[in-house]
Structures are given as C-alpha cells and as structure tokens.
Amino acid sequence: RLTCSMECEITNRSVNGKTGASSANLEKAQSAAKLSPNSG
C-alpha cells in the first residue's frame, strides 16, 4: 500500500495513468498507430 485511503488510491491510479511508465508506453503505441497506413 502506498496510500492511506481508497480516495487517495483512485487519485494515485489516475495520476499514474497520465504520467507513469504505462502512460509512456501508451503514448508510444498511439503515436505509432497514427503513423501507420492501416490505422492512421
């Protein structure tokens, strides 16, 4: 556990979803998709 309550846990997940490593991978995938002739 890194947070004191469920409210803080939800906030932490939302922040990590925007700035964490998973978000960076998602942004790379989205950038690649935009350049692809099949999905862009």
PDB file of all heavy atoms in Angstrom:
ATOM      1  N   ARG A   1       0.816  -1.209   0.000  1.00  0.00           N
ATOM      2  CA  ARG A   1       0.000   0.000   0.000  1.00  0.00           C
ATOM      3  C   ARG A   1       0.848   1.258   0.000  1.00  0.00           C
ATOM      4  O   ARG A   1       1.834   1.354   0.724  1.00  0.00           O
ATOM      5  CB  ARG A   1      -0.934   0.021   1.214  1.00  0.00           C
ATOM      6  CG  ARG A   1      -2.148  -0.882   1.096  1.00  0.00           C
ATOM      7  CD  ARG A   1      -3.062  -0.684   2.277  1.00  0.00           C
ATOM      8  NE  ARG A   1      -3.491   0.705   2.399  1.00  0.00           N
ATOM      9  CZ  ARG A   1      -4.168   1.179   3.450  1.00  0.00           C
ATOM     10  NH1 ARG A   1      -4.454   0.384   4.459  1.00  0.00           N
ATOM     11  NH2 ARG A   1      -4.530   2.445   3.472  1.00  0.00           N
ATOM     12  N   LEU A   2       0.455   2.219  -0.798  1.00  0.00           N
ATOM     13  CA  LEU A   2       1.155   3.497  -0.869  1.00  0.00           C
ATOM     14  C   LEU A   2       0.275   4.659  -0.457  1.00  0.00           C
ATOM     15  O   LEU A   2       0.758   5.780  -0.305  1.00  0.00           O
ATOM     16  CB  LEU A   2       1.661   3.736  -2.293  1.00  0.00           C
ATOM     17  CG  LEU A   2       2.628   2.690  -2.861  1.00  0.00           C
ATOM     18  CD1 LEU A   2       2.928   2.996  -4.320  1.00  0.00           C
ATOM     19  CD2 LEU A   2       3.908   2.640  -2.045  1.00  0.00           C
ATOM     20  N   THR A   3      -1.016   4.387  -0.280  1.00  0.00           N
ATOM     21  CA  THR A   3      -1.964   5.461   0.045  1.00  0.00           C
ATOM     22  C   THR A   3      -2.736   5.101   1.309  1.00  0.00           C
ATOM     23  O   THR A   3      -2.876   3.932   1.669  1.00  0.00           O
ATOM     24  CB  THR A   3      -2.961   5.681  -1.111  1.00  0.00           C
ATOM     25  OG1 THR A   3      -3.617   4.441  -1.414  1.00  0.00           O
ATOM     26  CG2 THR A   3      -2.233   6.163  -2.356  1.00  0.00           C
ATOM     27  N   CYS A   4      -3.285   6.137   1.949  1.00  0.00           N
ATOM     28  CA  CYS A   4      -3.959   5.944   3.231  1.00  0.00           C
ATOM     29  C   CYS A   4      -5.425   5.553   3.081  1.00  0.00           C
ATOM     30  O   CYS A   4      -6.032   5.047   4.021  1.00  0.00           O
ATOM     31  CB  CYS A   4      -3.856   7.220   4.061  1.00  0.00           C
ATOM     32  SG  CYS A   4      -4.683   8.647   3.307  1.00  0.00           S
ATOM     33  N   SER A   5      -6.029   5.793   1.927  1.00  0.00           N
ATOM     34  CA  SER A   5      -7.454   5.537   1.753  1.00  0.00           C
ATOM     35  C   SER A   5      -7.753   5.190   0.300  1.00  0.00           C
ATOM     36  O   SER A   5      -6.911   5.337  -0.585  1.00  0.00           O
ATOM     37  CB  SER A   5      -8.273   6.768   2.162  1.00  0.00           C
ATOM     38  OG  SER A   5      -7.960   7.867   1.315  1.00  0.00           O
ATOM     39  N   MET A   6      -8.987   4.738   0.075  1.00  0.00           N
ATOM     40  CA  MET A   6      -9.407   4.393  -1.284  1.00  0.00           C
ATOM     41  C   MET A   6      -9.450   5.636  -2.163  1.00  0.00           C
ATOM     42  O   MET A   6      -9.126   5.574  -3.353  1.00  0.00           O
ATOM     43  CB  MET A   6     -10.787   3.726  -1.241  1.00  0.00           C
ATOM     44  CG  MET A   6     -11.294   3.302  -2.625  1.00  0.00           C
ATOM     45  SD  MET A   6     -10.180   2.153  -3.484  1.00  0.00           S
ATOM     46  CE  MET A   6     -10.339   0.723  -2.406  1.00  0.00           C
ATOM     47  N   GLU A   7      -9.846   6.778  -1.599  1.00  0.00           N
ATOM     48  CA  GLU A   7      -9.887   8.019  -2.380  1.00  0.00           C
ATOM     49  C   GLU A   7      -8.500   8.380  -2.901  1.00  0.00           C
ATOM     50  O   GLU A   7      -8.329   8.742  -4.068  1.00  0.00           O
ATOM     51  CB  GLU A   7     -10.452   9.168  -1.537  1.00  0.00           C
ATOM     52  CG  GLU A   7     -11.936   9.060  -1.211  1.00  0.00           C
ATOM     53  CD  GLU A   7     -12.234   8.045  -0.134  1.00  0.00           C
ATOM     54  OE1 GLU A   7     -11.270   7.568   0.503  1.00  0.00           O
ATOM     55  OE2 GLU A   7     -13.416   7.722   0.078  1.00  0.00           O
ATOM     56  N   CYS A   8      -7.499   8.272  -2.018  1.00  0.00           N
ATOM     57  CA  CYS A   8      -6.128   8.577  -2.442  1.00  0.00           C
ATOM     58  C   CYS A   8      -5.621   7.526  -3.424  1.00  0.00           C
ATOM     59  O   CYS A   8      -4.833   7.845  -4.321  1.00  0.00           O
ATOM     60  CB  CYS A   8      -5.211   8.657  -1.228  1.00  0.00           C
ATOM     61  SG  CYS A   8      -5.390  10.183  -0.267  1.00  0.00           S
ATOM     62  N   GLU A   9      -6.069   6.290  -3.269  1.00  0.00           N
ATOM     63  CA  GLU A   9      -5.662   5.233  -4.199  1.00  0.00           C
ATOM     64  C   GLU A   9      -6.176   5.527  -5.602  1.00  0.00           C
ATOM     65  O   GLU A   9      -5.466   5.364  -6.597  1.00  0.00           O
ATOM     66  CB  GLU A   9      -6.199   3.891  -3.712  1.00  0.00           C
ATOM     67  CG  GLU A   9      -5.938   2.720  -4.646  1.00  0.00           C
ATOM     68  CD  GLU A   9      -4.468   2.365  -4.746  1.00  0.00           C
ATOM     69  OE1 GLU A   9      -3.691   2.778  -3.875  1.00  0.00           O
ATOM     70  OE2 GLU A   9      -4.105   1.673  -5.708  1.00  0.00           O
ATOM     71  N   ILE A  10      -7.438   5.970  -5.700  1.00  0.00           N
ATOM     72  CA  ILE A  10      -8.019   6.307  -7.007  1.00  0.00           C
ATOM     73  C   ILE A  10      -7.267   7.478  -7.636  1.00  0.00           C
ATOM     74  O   ILE A  10      -6.974   7.477  -8.836  1.00  0.00           O
ATOM     75  CB  ILE A  10      -9.517   6.641  -6.846  1.00  0.00           C
ATOM     76  CG1 ILE A  10     -10.284   5.392  -6.394  1.00  0.00           C
ATOM     77  CG2 ILE A  10     -10.094   7.195  -8.151  1.00  0.00           C
ATOM     78  CD1 ILE A  10     -11.737   5.659  -6.074  1.00  0.00           C
ATOM     79  N   THR A  11      -6.940   8.476  -6.812  1.00  0.00           N
ATOM     80  CA  THR A  11      -6.178   9.624  -7.308  1.00  0.00           C
ATOM     81  C   THR A  11      -4.815   9.195  -7.810  1.00  0.00           C
ATOM     82  O   THR A  11      -4.361   9.627  -8.883  1.00  0.00           O
ATOM     83  CB  THR A  11      -6.012  10.673  -6.200  1.00  0.00           C
ATOM     84  OG1 THR A  11      -7.301  11.088  -5.732  1.00  0.00           O
ATOM     85  CG2 THR A  11      -5.241  11.880  -6.711  1.00  0.00           C
ATOM     86  N   ASN A  12      -4.154   8.327  -7.065  1.00  0.00           N
ATOM     87  CA  ASN A  12      -2.822   7.852  -7.454  1.00  0.00           C
ATOM     88  C   ASN A  12      -2.871   7.094  -8.771  1.00  0.00           C
ATOM     89  O   ASN A  12      -2.003   7.255  -9.632  1.00  0.00           O
ATOM     90  CB  ASN A  12      -2.254   6.958  -6.349  1.00  0.00           C
ATOM     91  CG  ASN A  12      -0.866   6.451  -6.670  1.00  0.00           C
ATOM     92  OD1 ASN A  12      -0.005   7.206  -7.088  1.00  0.00           O
ATOM     93  ND2 ASN A  12      -0.654   5.156  -6.491  1.00  0.00           N
ATOM     94  N   ARG A  13      -3.898   6.259  -8.937  1.00  0.00           N
ATOM     95  CA  ARG A  13      -4.024   5.498 -10.188  1.00  0.00           C
ATOM     96  C   ARG A  13      -4.263   6.418 -11.380  1.00  0.00           C
ATOM     97  O   ARG A  13      -3.717   6.200 -12.454  1.00  0.00           O
ATOM     98  CB  ARG A  13      -5.169   4.492 -10.069  1.00  0.00           C
ATOM     99  CG  ARG A  13      -4.863   3.326  -9.138  1.00  0.00           C
ATOM    100  CD  ARG A  13      -6.026   2.357  -9.087  1.00  0.00           C
ATOM    101  NE  ARG A  13      -5.758   1.249  -8.182  1.00  0.00           N
ATOM    102  CZ  ARG A  13      -6.614   0.258  -7.946  1.00  0.00           C
ATOM    103  NH1 ARG A  13      -7.804   0.256  -8.547  1.00  0.00           N
ATOM    104  NH2 ARG A  13      -6.297  -0.711  -7.119  1.00  0.00           N
ATOM    105  N   SER A  14      -5.095   7.438 -11.164  1.00  0.00           N
ATOM    106  CA  SER A  14      -5.376   8.355 -12.270  1.00  0.00           C
ATOM    107  C   SER A  14      -4.129   9.138 -12.661  1.00  0.00           C
ATOM    108  O   SER A  14      -3.871   9.374 -13.837  1.00  0.00           O
ATOM    109  CB  SER A  14      -6.509   9.311 -11.891  1.00  0.00           C
ATOM    110  OG  SER A  14      -6.127  10.145 -10.818  1.00  0.00           O
ATOM    111  N   VAL A  15      -3.331   9.524 -11.671  1.00  0.00           N
ATOM    112  CA  VAL A  15      -2.100  10.264 -11.958  1.00  0.00           C
ATOM    113  C   VAL A  15      -1.090   9.373 -12.658  1.00  0.00           C
ATOM    114  O   VAL A  15      -0.458   9.762 -13.638  1.00  0.00           O
ATOM    115  CB  VAL A  15      -1.498  10.842 -10.656  1.00  0.00           C
ATOM    116  CG1 VAL A  15      -0.115  11.417 -10.915  1.00  0.00           C
ATOM    117  CG2 VAL A  15      -2.413  11.911 -10.092  1.00  0.00           C
ATOM    118  N   ASN A  16      -0.933   8.130 -12.169  1.00  0.00           N
ATOM    119  CA  ASN A  16      -0.002   7.207 -12.804  1.00  0.00           C
ATOM    120  C   ASN A  16      -0.429   6.874 -14.221  1.00  0.00           C
ATOM    121  O   ASN A  16       0.394   6.635 -15.097  1.00  0.00           O
ATOM    122  CB  ASN A  16       0.114   5.920 -11.988  1.00  0.00           C
ATOM    123  CG  ASN A  16       0.998   6.102 -10.772  1.00  0.00           C
ATOM    124  OD1 ASN A  16       1.838   6.989 -10.753  1.00  0.00           O
ATOM    125  ND2 ASN A  16       0.804   5.286  -9.753  1.00  0.00           N
ATOM    126  N   GLY A  17      -1.755   6.858 -14.438  1.00  0.00           N
ATOM    127  CA  GLY A  17      -2.234   6.576 -15.781  1.00  0.00           C
ATOM    128  C   GLY A  17      -1.858   7.664 -16.768  1.00  0.00           C
ATOM    129  O   GLY A  17      -1.800   7.435 -17.962  1.00  0.00           O
ATOM    130  N   LYS A  18      -1.599   8.901 -16.243  1.00  0.00           N
ATOM    131  CA  LYS A  18      -1.266  10.019 -17.115  1.00  0.00           C
ATOM    132  C   LYS A  18       0.236  10.274 -17.199  1.00  0.00           C
ATOM    133  O   LYS A  18       0.730  10.764 -18.197  1.00  0.00           O
ATOM    134  CB  LYS A  18      -1.974  11.287 -16.612  1.00  0.00           C
ATOM    135  CG  LYS A  18      -3.493  11.213 -16.697  1.00  0.00           C
ATOM    136  CD  LYS A  18      -4.123  12.461 -16.123  1.00  0.00           C
ATOM    137  CE  LYS A  18      -5.653  12.379 -16.164  1.00  0.00           C
ATOM    138  NZ  LYS A  18      -6.279  13.574 -15.576  1.00  0.00           N
ATOM    139  N   THR A  19       0.956   9.937 -16.112  1.00  0.00           N
ATOM    140  CA  THR A  19       2.370  10.287 -16.089  1.00  0.00           C
ATOM    141  C   THR A  19       3.290   9.105 -15.842  1.00  0.00           C
ATOM    142  O   THR A  19       4.492   9.257 -15.877  1.00  0.00           O
ATOM    143  CB  THR A  19       2.624  11.329 -14.982  1.00  0.00           C
ATOM    144  OG1 THR A  19       2.285  10.748 -13.710  1.00  0.00           O
ATOM    145  CG2 THR A  19       1.789  12.577 -15.203  1.00  0.00           C
ATOM    146  N   GLY A  20       2.743   7.909 -15.566  1.00  0.00           N
ATOM    147  CA  GLY A  20       3.581   6.765 -15.250  1.00  0.00           C
ATOM    148  C   GLY A  20       4.176   6.101 -16.479  1.00  0.00           C
ATOM    149  O   GLY A  20       4.002   6.541 -17.616  1.00  0.00           O
ATOM    150  N   ALA A  21       4.875   4.984 -16.237  1.00  0.00           N
ATOM    151  CA  ALA A  21       5.520   4.249 -17.336  1.00  0.00           C
ATOM    152  C   ALA A  21       4.492   3.680 -18.293  1.00  0.00           C
ATOM    153  O   ALA A  21       4.706   3.639 -19.508  1.00  0.00           O
ATOM    154  CB  ALA A  21       6.388   3.132 -16.752  1.00  0.00           C
ATOM    155  N   SER A  22       3.347   3.232 -17.748  1.00  0.00           N
ATOM    156  CA  SER A  22       2.316   2.679 -18.624  1.00  0.00           C
ATOM    157  C   SER A  22       1.786   3.740 -19.582  1.00  0.00           C
ATOM    158  O   SER A  22       1.456   3.454 -20.735  1.00  0.00           O
ATOM    159  CB  SER A  22       1.163   2.117 -17.786  1.00  0.00           C
ATOM    160  OG  SER A  22       0.600   3.128 -16.971  1.00  0.00           O
ATOM    161  N   SER A  23       1.713   4.977 -19.098  1.00  0.00           N
ATOM    162  CA  SER A  23       1.254   6.068 -19.951  1.00  0.00           C
ATOM    163  C   SER A  23       2.240   6.333 -21.077  1.00  0.00           C
ATOM    164  O   SER A  23       1.845   6.595 -22.217  1.00  0.00           O
ATOM    165  CB  SER A  23       1.060   7.331 -19.118  1.00  0.00           C
ATOM    166  OG  SER A  23       0.702   8.429 -19.935  1.00  0.00           O
ATOM    167  N   ALA A  24       3.546   6.248 -20.762  1.00  0.00           N
ATOM    168  CA  ALA A  24       4.565   6.472 -21.794  1.00  0.00           C
ATOM    169  C   ALA A  24       4.481   5.414 -22.883  1.00  0.00           C
ATOM    170  O   ALA A  24       4.579   5.719 -24.073  1.00  0.00           O
ATOM    171  CB  ALA A  24       5.954   6.459 -21.154  1.00  0.00           C
ATOM    172  N   ASN A  25       4.249   4.161 -22.481  1.00  0.00           N
ATOM    173  CA  ASN A  25       4.106   3.092 -23.459  1.00  0.00           C
ATOM    174  C   ASN A  25       2.852   3.292 -24.306  1.00  0.00           C
ATOM    175  O   ASN A  25       2.853   3.035 -25.514  1.00  0.00           O
ATOM    176  CB  ASN A  25       4.041   1.732 -22.762  1.00  0.00           C
ATOM    177  CG  ASN A  25       5.351   1.371 -22.095  1.00  0.00           C
ATOM    178  OD1 ASN A  25       6.410   1.824 -22.529  1.00  0.00           O
ATOM    179  ND2 ASN A  25       5.292   0.565 -21.049  1.00  0.00           N
ATOM    180  N   LEU A  26       1.773   3.750 -23.649  1.00  0.00           N
ATOM    181  CA  LEU A  26       0.538   4.004 -24.371  1.00  0.00           C
ATOM    182  C   LEU A  26       0.717   5.118 -25.395  1.00  0.00           C
ATOM    183  O   LEU A  26       0.242   5.028 -26.528  1.00  0.00           O
ATOM    184  CB  LEU A  26      -0.575   4.358 -23.386  1.00  0.00           C
ATOM    185  CG  LEU A  26      -1.946   4.680 -23.995  1.00  0.00           C
ATOM    186  CD1 LEU A  26      -2.472   3.493 -24.785  1.00  0.00           C
ATOM    187  CD2 LEU A  26      -2.933   5.065 -22.905  1.00  0.00           C
ATOM    188  N   GLU A  27       1.433   6.181 -25.007  1.00  0.00           N
ATOM    189  CA  GLU A  27       1.667   7.294 -25.922  1.00  0.00           C
ATOM    190  C   GLU A  27       2.512   6.849 -27.119  1.00  0.00           C
ATOM    191  O   GLU A  27       2.279   7.274 -28.256  1.00  0.00           O
ATOM    192  CB  GLU A  27       2.364   8.432 -25.180  1.00  0.00           C
ATOM    193  CG  GLU A  27       1.455   9.138 -24.184  1.00  0.00           C
ATOM    194  CD  GLU A  27       2.183  10.256 -23.456  1.00  0.00           C
ATOM    195  OE1 GLU A  27       3.386  10.439 -23.728  1.00  0.00           O
ATOM    196  OE2 GLU A  27       1.551  10.938 -22.631  1.00  0.00           O
ATOM    197  N   LYS A  28       3.490   5.980 -26.878  1.00  0.00           N
ATOM    198  CA  LYS A  28       4.306   5.457 -27.983  1.00  0.00           C
ATOM    199  C   LYS A  28       3.448   4.649 -28.947  1.00  0.00           C
ATOM    200  O   LYS A  28       3.583   4.760 -30.166  1.00  0.00           O
ATOM    201  CB  LYS A  28       5.441   4.589 -27.432  1.00  0.00           C
ATOM    202  CG  LYS A  28       6.521   5.369 -26.707  1.00  0.00           C
ATOM    203  CD  LYS A  28       7.613   4.439 -26.204  1.00  0.00           C
ATOM    204  CE  LYS A  28       8.701   5.206 -25.460  1.00  0.00           C
ATOM    205  NZ  LYS A  28       9.749   4.286 -24.942  1.00  0.00           N
ATOM    206  N   ALA A  29       2.567   3.810 -28.371  1.00  0.00           N
ATOM    207  CA  ALA A  29       1.701   2.988 -29.218  1.00  0.00           C
ATOM    208  C   ALA A  29       0.739   3.858 -30.027  1.00  0.00           C
ATOM    209  O   ALA A  29       0.490   3.594 -31.215  1.00  0.00           O
ATOM    210  CB  ALA A  29       0.917   1.994 -28.358  1.00  0.00           C
ATOM    211  N   GLN A  30       0.206   4.896 -29.390  1.00  0.00           N
ATOM    212  CA  GLN A  30      -0.720   5.789 -30.094  1.00  0.00           C
ATOM    213  C   GLN A  30      -0.015   6.562 -31.201  1.00  0.00           C
ATOM    214  O   GLN A  30      -0.565   6.764 -32.281  1.00  0.00           O
ATOM    215  CB  GLN A  30      -1.363   6.745 -29.096  1.00  0.00           C
ATOM    216  CG  GLN A  30      -2.336   6.071 -28.140  1.00  0.00           C
ATOM    217  CD  GLN A  30      -2.859   7.008 -27.078  1.00  0.00           C
ATOM    218  OE1 GLN A  30      -2.260   8.058 -26.809  1.00  0.00           O
ATOM    219  NE2 GLN A  30      -3.980   6.662 -26.469  1.00  0.00           N
ATOM    220  N   SER A  31       1.218   6.986 -30.932  1.00  0.00           N
ATOM    221  CA  SER A  31       1.993   7.704 -31.952  1.00  0.00           C
ATOM    222  C   SER A  31       2.281   6.798 -33.145  1.00  0.00           C
ATOM    223  O   SER A  31       2.183   7.220 -34.297  1.00  0.00           O
ATOM    224  CB  SER A  31       3.305   8.222 -31.349  1.00  0.00           C
ATOM    225  OG  SER A  31       3.047   9.136 -30.300  1.00  0.00           O
ATOM    226  N   ALA A  32       2.643   5.549 -32.856  1.00  0.00           N
ATOM    227  CA  ALA A  32       2.917   4.596 -33.932  1.00  0.00           C
ATOM    228  C   ALA A  32       1.654   4.319 -34.743  1.00  0.00           C
ATOM    229  O   ALA A  32       1.705   4.187 -35.971  1.00  0.00           O
ATOM    230  CB  ALA A  32       3.483   3.303 -33.355  1.00  0.00           C
ATOM    231  N   ALA A  33       0.508   4.226 -34.046  1.00  0.00           N
ATOM    232  CA  ALA A  33      -0.756   3.962 -34.743  1.00  0.00           C
ATOM    233  C   ALA A  33      -1.134   5.101 -35.674  1.00  0.00           C
ATOM    234  O   ALA A  33      -1.659   4.890 -36.763  1.00  0.00           O
ATOM    235  CB  ALA A  33      -1.867   3.714 -33.720  1.00  0.00           C
ATOM    236  N   LYS A  34      -0.833   6.336 -35.250  1.00  0.00           N
ATOM    237  CA  LYS A  34      -1.161   7.494 -36.081  1.00  0.00           C
ATOM    238  C   LYS A  34      -0.331   7.530 -37.364  1.00  0.00           C
ATOM    239  O   LYS A  34      -0.773   8.064 -38.380  1.00  0.00           O
ATOM    240  CB  LYS A  34      -0.942   8.785 -35.290  1.00  0.00           C
ATOM    241  CG  LYS A  34      -1.946   8.989 -34.157  1.00  0.00           C
ATOM    242  CD  LYS A  34      -1.639  10.259 -33.383  1.00  0.00           C
ATOM    243  CE  LYS A  34      -2.632  10.450 -32.237  1.00  0.00           C
ATOM    244  NZ  LYS A  34      -2.350  11.683 -31.470  1.00  0.00           N
ATOM    245  N   LEU A  35       0.877   6.962 -37.317  1.00  0.00           N
ATOM    246  CA  LEU A  35       1.752   6.955 -38.484  1.00  0.00           C
ATOM    247  C   LEU A  35       1.544   5.737 -39.370  1.00  0.00           C
ATOM    248  O   LEU A  35       2.067   5.678 -40.482  1.00  0.00           O
ATOM    249  CB  LEU A  35       3.221   7.003 -38.028  1.00  0.00           C
ATOM    250  CG  LEU A  35       3.642   8.252 -37.240  1.00  0.00           C
ATOM    251  CD1 LEU A  35       5.079   8.108 -36.766  1.00  0.00           C
ATOM    252  CD2 LEU A  35       3.472   9.511 -38.087  1.00  0.00           C
ATOM    253  N   SER A  36       0.781   4.764 -38.883  1.00  0.00           N
ATOM    254  CA  SER A  36       0.573   3.536 -39.640  1.00  0.00           C
ATOM    255  C   SER A  36      -0.462   3.751 -40.742  1.00  0.00           C
ATOM    256  O   SER A  36      -1.515   4.347 -40.500  1.00  0.00           O
ATOM    257  CB  SER A  36       0.096   2.419 -38.709  1.00  0.00           C
ATOM    258  OG  SER A  36      -0.320   1.295 -39.454  1.00  0.00           O
ATOM    259  N   PRO A  37      -0.202   3.259 -41.967  1.00  0.00           N
ATOM    260  CA  PRO A  37      -1.189   3.381 -43.046  1.00  0.00           C
ATOM    261  C   PRO A  37      -2.440   2.545 -42.790  1.00  0.00           C
ATOM    262  O   PRO A  37      -3.455   2.744 -43.449  1.00  0.00           O
ATOM    263  CB  PRO A  37      -0.432   2.882 -44.281  1.00  0.00           C
ATOM    264  CG  PRO A  37       0.628   1.989 -43.731  1.00  0.00           C
ATOM    265  CD  PRO A  37       1.017   2.595 -42.410  1.00  0.00           C
ATOM    266  N   ASN A  38      -2.367   1.639 -41.827  1.00  0.00           N
ATOM    267  CA  ASN A  38      -3.512   0.777 -41.530  1.00  0.00           C
ATOM    268  C   ASN A  38      -4.451   1.384 -40.495  1.00  0.00           C
ATOM    269  O   ASN A  38      -5.631   1.039 -40.467  1.00  0.00           O
ATOM    270  CB  ASN A  38      -3.033  -0.589 -41.027  1.00  0.00           C
ATOM    271  CG  ASN A  38      -2.221  -1.331 -42.053  1.00  0.00           C
ATOM    272  OD1 ASN A  38      -2.487  -1.245 -43.247  1.00  0.00           O
ATOM    273  ND2 ASN A  38      -1.215  -2.067 -41.606  1.00  0.00           N
ATOM    274  N   SER A  39      -3.935   2.261 -39.632  1.00  0.00           N
ATOM    275  CA  SER A  39      -4.763   2.782 -38.545  1.00  0.00           C
ATOM    276  C   SER A  39      -4.752   4.294 -38.427  1.00  0.00           C
ATOM    277  O   SER A  39      -5.556   4.859 -37.689  1.00  0.00           O
ATOM    278  CB  SER A  39      -4.296   2.183 -37.210  1.00  0.00           C
ATOM    279  OG  SER A  39      -2.907   2.424 -37.007  1.00  0.00           O
ATOM    280  N   GLY A  40      -3.849   4.972 -39.126  1.00  0.00           N
ATOM    281  CA  GLY A  40      -3.777   6.422 -39.029  1.00  0.00           C
ATOM    282  C   GLY A  40      -4.769   7.119 -39.939  1.00  0.00           C
ATOM    283  O   GLY A  40      -5.619   6.487 -40.584  1.00  0.00           O
TER     284      GLY A  40
END
